[in-house]
Amino acid sequence: MPSLRSDAAAERFVATADLTKYNLSGFKPMRFEIEPKSTVNRPRFLKGIFI
Protein backbone atom coordinates (compact mmCIF):
# COMPACT_ATOMS: atom_id res chain seq x y z
CA MET A 1 0.00 0.00 0.00
CA PRO A 2 1.55 3.33 -0.96
CA SER A 3 1.93 6.17 1.50
CA LEU A 4 -0.69 8.81 0.74
CA ARG A 5 0.07 12.25 2.12
CA SER A 6 -3.17 14.07 1.29
CA ASP A 7 -6.88 13.49 0.83
CA ALA A 8 -6.51 14.30 -2.86
CA ALA A 9 -3.78 11.68 -3.27
CA ALA A 10 -5.93 9.10 -1.47
CA GLU A 11 -8.93 9.91 -3.66
CA ARG A 12 -6.82 9.58 -6.83
CA PHE A 13 -5.38 6.28 -5.64
CA VAL A 14 -8.80 4.79 -4.83
CA ALA A 15 -10.24 6.02 -8.13
CA THR A 16 -7.45 4.63 -10.30
CA ALA A 17 -5.82 1.70 -8.48
CA ASP A 18 -6.68 -1.96 -8.81
CA LEU A 19 -7.53 -2.57 -5.16
CA THR A 20 -7.77 -6.34 -5.71
CA LYS A 21 -3.95 -6.37 -5.54
CA TYR A 22 -4.12 -5.44 -1.85
CA ASN A 23 -5.36 -7.50 1.09
CA LEU A 24 -7.50 -4.95 2.91
CA SER A 25 -9.24 -7.44 5.20
CA GLY A 26 -7.27 -6.28 8.25
CA PHE A 27 -8.26 -2.63 7.93
CA LYS A 28 -10.32 -1.21 10.77
CA PRO A 29 -12.24 2.09 10.99
CA MET A 30 -10.41 4.89 12.77
CA ARG A 31 -11.66 8.08 14.39
CA PHE A 32 -9.66 11.28 14.29
CA GLU A 33 -9.99 14.21 16.63
CA ILE A 34 -10.34 17.40 14.64
CA GLU A 35 -10.41 19.93 17.48
CA PRO A 36 -7.34 20.49 19.64
CA LYS A 37 -7.48 19.33 23.22
CA SER A 38 -8.21 22.00 25.82
CA THR A 39 -5.53 20.77 28.21
CA VAL A 40 -1.89 19.93 27.79
CA ASN A 41 -1.09 16.23 27.92
CA ARG A 42 2.30 15.44 29.36
CA PRO A 43 3.59 11.89 29.39
CA ARG A 44 4.54 10.51 32.78
CA PHE A 45 7.50 8.16 32.98
CA LEU A 46 7.83 5.71 35.81
CA LYS A 47 11.17 5.53 37.55
CA GLY A 48 13.16 2.48 36.57
CA ILE A 49 11.80 2.15 33.04
CA PHE A 50 14.85 3.72 31.44
CA ILE A 51 18.24 2.23 32.21
PDB file of N, CA and C in Angstrom:
ATOM      1  N   MET A   1       0.857  -1.159   0.000  1.00  0.00           N
ATOM      2  CA  MET A   1       0.000   0.000   0.000  1.00  0.00           C
ATOM      3  C   MET A   1       0.904   1.223   0.000  1.00  0.00           C
ATOM      4  N   PRO A   2       0.722   2.129  -0.927  1.00  0.00           N
ATOM      5  CA  PRO A   2       1.554   3.325  -0.961  1.00  0.00           C
ATOM      6  C   PRO A   2       1.207   4.296   0.166  1.00  0.00           C
ATOM      7  N   SER A   3       2.158   5.127   0.511  1.00  0.00           N
ATOM      8  CA  SER A   3       1.933   6.170   1.503  1.00  0.00           C
ATOM      9  C   SER A   3       1.235   7.336   0.819  1.00  0.00           C
ATOM     10  N   LEU A   4       0.091   7.729   1.336  1.00  0.00           N
ATOM     11  CA  LEU A   4      -0.693   8.810   0.735  1.00  0.00           C
ATOM     12  C   LEU A   4      -0.689   9.987   1.690  1.00  0.00           C
ATOM     13  N   ARG A   5      -0.177  11.113   1.233  1.00  0.00           N
ATOM     14  CA  ARG A   5       0.066  12.250   2.115  1.00  0.00           C
ATOM     15  C   ARG A   5      -1.031  13.307   2.111  1.00  0.00           C
ATOM     16  N   SER A   6      -2.080  13.090   1.311  1.00  0.00           N
ATOM     17  CA  SER A   6      -3.168  14.071   1.293  1.00  0.00           C
ATOM     18  C   SER A   6      -4.470  13.373   0.930  1.00  0.00           C
ATOM     19  N   ASP A   7      -5.576  14.032   1.213  1.00  0.00           N
ATOM     20  CA  ASP A   7      -6.882  13.492   0.831  1.00  0.00           C
ATOM     21  C   ASP A   7      -6.986  13.355  -0.680  1.00  0.00           C
ATOM     22  N   ALA A   8      -6.450  14.335  -1.394  1.00  0.00           N
ATOM     23  CA  ALA A   8      -6.506  14.302  -2.862  1.00  0.00           C
ATOM     24  C   ALA A   8      -5.732  13.105  -3.398  1.00  0.00           C
ATOM     25  N   ALA A   9      -4.572  12.826  -2.834  1.00  0.00           N
ATOM     26  CA  ALA A   9      -3.777  11.676  -3.273  1.00  0.00           C
ATOM     27  C   ALA A   9      -4.520  10.375  -2.983  1.00  0.00           C
ATOM     28  N   ALA A  10      -5.166  10.302  -1.828  1.00  0.00           N
ATOM     29  CA  ALA A  10      -5.930   9.103  -1.473  1.00  0.00           C
ATOM     30  C   ALA A  10      -7.112   8.912  -2.420  1.00  0.00           C
ATOM     31  N   GLU A  11      -7.795   9.992  -2.743  1.00  0.00           N
ATOM     32  CA  GLU A  11      -8.926   9.909  -3.659  1.00  0.00           C
ATOM     33  C   GLU A  11      -8.483   9.460  -5.040  1.00  0.00           C
ATOM     34  N   ARG A  12      -7.352  10.001  -5.532  1.00  0.00           N
ATOM     35  CA  ARG A  12      -6.815   9.583  -6.834  1.00  0.00           C
ATOM     36  C   ARG A  12      -6.446   8.103  -6.816  1.00  0.00           C
ATOM     37  N   PHE A  13      -5.795   7.674  -5.739  1.00  0.00           N
ATOM     38  CA  PHE A  13      -5.383   6.282  -5.641  1.00  0.00           C
ATOM     39  C   PHE A  13      -6.589   5.353  -5.678  1.00  0.00           C
ATOM     40  N   VAL A  14      -7.618   5.645  -4.876  1.00  0.00           N
ATOM     41  CA  VAL A  14      -8.804   4.789  -4.826  1.00  0.00           C
ATOM     42  C   VAL A  14      -9.526   4.790  -6.168  1.00  0.00           C
ATOM     43  N   ALA A  15      -9.531   5.918  -6.852  1.00  0.00           N
ATOM     44  CA  ALA A  15     -10.237   6.020  -8.130  1.00  0.00           C
ATOM     45  C   ALA A  15      -9.516   5.282  -9.253  1.00  0.00           C
ATOM     46  N   THR A  16      -8.190   5.174  -9.164  1.00  0.00           N
ATOM     47  CA  THR A  16      -7.445   4.635 -10.304  1.00  0.00           C
ATOM     48  C   THR A  16      -6.759   3.296 -10.034  1.00  0.00           C
ATOM     49  N   ALA A  17      -6.580   2.913  -8.796  1.00  0.00           N
ATOM     50  CA  ALA A  17      -5.822   1.700  -8.479  1.00  0.00           C
ATOM     51  C   ALA A  17      -6.681   0.452  -8.585  1.00  0.00           C
ATOM     52  N   ASP A  18      -6.028  -0.664  -8.850  1.00  0.00           N
ATOM     53  CA  ASP A  18      -6.678  -1.964  -8.814  1.00  0.00           C
ATOM     54  C   ASP A  18      -6.557  -2.472  -7.385  1.00  0.00           C
ATOM     55  N   LEU A  19      -7.583  -2.248  -6.582  1.00  0.00           N
ATOM     56  CA  LEU A  19      -7.531  -2.568  -5.161  1.00  0.00           C
ATOM     57  C   LEU A  19      -7.547  -4.068  -4.887  1.00  0.00           C
ATOM     58  N   THR A  20      -7.805  -4.895  -5.908  1.00  0.00           N
ATOM     59  CA  THR A  20      -7.767  -6.340  -5.710  1.00  0.00           C
ATOM     60  C   THR A  20      -6.337  -6.827  -5.486  1.00  0.00           C
ATOM     61  N   LYS A  21      -5.345  -5.990  -5.779  1.00  0.00           N
ATOM     62  CA  LYS A  21      -3.947  -6.366  -5.540  1.00  0.00           C
ATOM     63  C   LYS A  21      -3.594  -6.290  -4.060  1.00  0.00           C
ATOM     64  N   TYR A  22      -4.419  -5.666  -3.254  1.00  0.00           N
ATOM     65  CA  TYR A  22      -4.120  -5.442  -1.850  1.00  0.00           C
ATOM     66  C   TYR A  22      -5.065  -6.249  -0.963  1.00  0.00           C
ATOM     67  N   ASN A  23      -4.539  -6.804   0.103  1.00  0.00           N
ATOM     68  CA  ASN A  23      -5.362  -7.496   1.086  1.00  0.00           C
ATOM     69  C   ASN A  23      -5.783  -6.463   2.134  1.00  0.00           C
ATOM     70  N   LEU A  24      -6.995  -5.996   2.032  1.00  0.00           N
ATOM     71  CA  LEU A  24      -7.502  -4.946   2.910  1.00  0.00           C
ATOM     72  C   LEU A  24      -8.389  -5.515   4.020  1.00  0.00           C
ATOM     73  N   SER A  25      -8.359  -6.821   4.225  1.00  0.00           N
ATOM     74  CA  SER A  25      -9.242  -7.443   5.198  1.00  0.00           C
ATOM     75  C   SER A  25      -8.900  -7.067   6.638  1.00  0.00           C
ATOM     76  N   GLY A  26      -7.665  -6.637   6.894  1.00  0.00           N
ATOM     77  CA  GLY A  26      -7.271  -6.278   8.253  1.00  0.00           C
ATOM     78  C   GLY A  26      -7.523  -4.822   8.601  1.00  0.00           C
ATOM     79  N   PHE A  27      -8.014  -4.045   7.664  1.00  0.00           N
ATOM     80  CA  PHE A  27      -8.260  -2.630   7.929  1.00  0.00           C
ATOM     81  C   PHE A  27      -9.417  -2.469   8.903  1.00  0.00           C
ATOM     82  N   LYS A  28      -9.275  -1.511   9.799  1.00  0.00           N
ATOM     83  CA  LYS A  28     -10.319  -1.214  10.767  1.00  0.00           C
ATOM     84  C   LYS A  28     -10.635   0.272  10.719  1.00  0.00           C
ATOM     85  N   PRO A  29     -11.895   0.662  10.980  1.00  0.00           N
ATOM     86  CA  PRO A  29     -12.242   2.087  10.991  1.00  0.00           C
ATOM     87  C   PRO A  29     -11.466   2.823  12.084  1.00  0.00           C
ATOM     88  N   MET A  30     -11.099   4.045  11.791  1.00  0.00           N
ATOM     89  CA  MET A  30     -10.410   4.887  12.771  1.00  0.00           C
ATOM     90  C   MET A  30     -11.171   6.187  12.936  1.00  0.00           C
ATOM     91  N   ARG A  31     -11.064   6.777  14.130  1.00  0.00           N
ATOM     92  CA  ARG A  31     -11.662   8.083  14.389  1.00  0.00           C
ATOM     93  C   ARG A  31     -10.528   9.059  14.651  1.00  0.00           C
ATOM     94  N   PHE A  32     -10.649  10.233  14.111  1.00  0.00           N
ATOM     95  CA  PHE A  32      -9.657  11.276  14.290  1.00  0.00           C
ATOM     96  C   PHE A  32     -10.278  12.441  15.035  1.00  0.00           C
ATOM     97  N   GLU A  33      -9.518  13.021  15.927  1.00  0.00           N
ATOM     98  CA  GLU A  33      -9.986  14.213  16.627  1.00  0.00           C
ATOM     99  C   GLU A  33      -9.595  15.432  15.805  1.00  0.00           C
ATOM    100  N   ILE A  34     -10.571  16.226  15.468  1.00  0.00           N
ATOM    101  CA  ILE A  34     -10.338  17.401  14.644  1.00  0.00           C
ATOM    102  C   ILE A  34      -9.975  18.614  15.505  1.00  0.00           C
ATOM    103  N   GLU A  35     -10.640  18.767  16.629  1.00  0.00           N
ATOM    104  CA  GLU A  35     -10.407  19.930  17.484  1.00  0.00           C
ATOM    105  C   GLU A  35      -9.241  19.672  18.438  1.00  0.00           C
ATOM    106  N   PRO A  36      -8.440  20.679  18.701  1.00  0.00           N
ATOM    107  CA  PRO A  36      -7.337  20.487  19.643  1.00  0.00           C
ATOM    108  C   PRO A  36      -7.861  20.274  21.061  1.00  0.00           C
ATOM    109  N   LYS A  37      -7.093  19.560  21.833  1.00  0.00           N
ATOM    110  CA  LYS A  37      -7.481  19.325  23.224  1.00  0.00           C
ATOM    111  C   LYS A  37      -7.367  20.624  24.011  1.00  0.00           C
ATOM    112  N   SER A  38      -8.197  20.768  25.033  1.00  0.00           N
ATOM    113  CA  SER A  38      -8.205  22.002  25.816  1.00  0.00           C
ATOM    114  C   SER A  38      -7.128  22.005  26.892  1.00  0.00           C
ATOM    115  N   THR A  39      -6.584  20.835  27.207  1.00  0.00           N
ATOM    116  CA  THR A  39      -5.535  20.775  28.213  1.00  0.00           C
ATOM    117  C   THR A  39      -4.265  20.203  27.605  1.00  0.00           C
ATOM    118  N   VAL A  40      -3.169  20.439  28.265  1.00  0.00           N
ATOM    119  CA  VAL A  40      -1.891  19.932  27.791  1.00  0.00           C
ATOM    120  C   VAL A  40      -1.695  18.528  28.352  1.00  0.00           C
ATOM    121  N   ASN A  41      -1.376  17.591  27.481  1.00  0.00           N
ATOM    122  CA  ASN A  41      -1.093  16.230  27.918  1.00  0.00           C
ATOM    123  C   ASN A  41       0.411  16.058  28.006  1.00  0.00           C
ATOM    124  N   ARG A  42       0.879  15.682  29.184  1.00  0.00           N
ATOM    125  CA  ARG A  42       2.303  15.443  29.361  1.00  0.00           C
ATOM    126  C   ARG A  42       2.487  13.986  29.742  1.00  0.00           C
ATOM    127  N   PRO A  43       3.373  13.294  29.029  1.00  0.00           N
ATOM    128  CA  PRO A  43       3.591  11.893  29.390  1.00  0.00           C
ATOM    129  C   PRO A  43       4.292  11.777  30.736  1.00  0.00           C
ATOM    130  N   ARG A  44       3.892  10.776  31.498  1.00  0.00           N
ATOM    131  CA  ARG A  44       4.540  10.512  32.779  1.00  0.00           C
ATOM    132  C   ARG A  44       5.374   9.246  32.625  1.00  0.00           C
ATOM    133  N   PHE A  45       6.613   9.307  33.059  1.00  0.00           N
ATOM    134  CA  PHE A  45       7.498   8.163  32.982  1.00  0.00           C
ATOM    135  C   PHE A  45       7.732   7.622  34.387  1.00  0.00           C
ATOM    136  N   LEU A  46       7.593   6.341  34.517  1.00  0.00           N
ATOM    137  CA  LEU A  46       7.829   5.711  35.812  1.00  0.00           C
ATOM    138  C   LEU A  46       9.330   5.528  36.020  1.00  0.00           C
ATOM    139  N   LYS A  47       9.772   5.741  37.232  1.00  0.00           N
ATOM    140  CA  LYS A  47      11.174   5.528  37.553  1.00  0.00           C
ATOM    141  C   LYS A  47      11.528   4.075  37.333  1.00  0.00           C
ATOM    142  N   GLY A  48      12.697   3.848  36.784  1.00  0.00           N
ATOM    143  CA  GLY A  48      13.164   2.478  36.566  1.00  0.00           C
ATOM    144  C   GLY A  48      12.865   1.922  35.188  1.00  0.00           C
ATOM    145  N   ILE A  49      12.079   2.646  34.392  1.00  0.00           N
ATOM    146  CA  ILE A  49      11.800   2.153  33.036  1.00  0.00           C
ATOM    147  C   ILE A  49      13.046   2.317  32.162  1.00  0.00           C
ATOM    148  N   PHE A  50      13.695   3.441  32.277  1.00  0.00           N
ATOM    149  CA  PHE A  50      14.854   3.721  31.442  1.00  0.00           C
ATOM    150  C   PHE A  50      16.118   3.372  32.212  1.00  0.00           C
ATOM    151  N   ILE A  51      16.975   2.631  31.569  1.00  0.00           N
ATOM    152  CA  ILE A  51      18.236   2.234  32.212  1.00  0.00           C
ATOM    153  C   ILE A  51      19.378   3.021  31.608  1.00  0.00           C
TER     154      ILE A  51
END
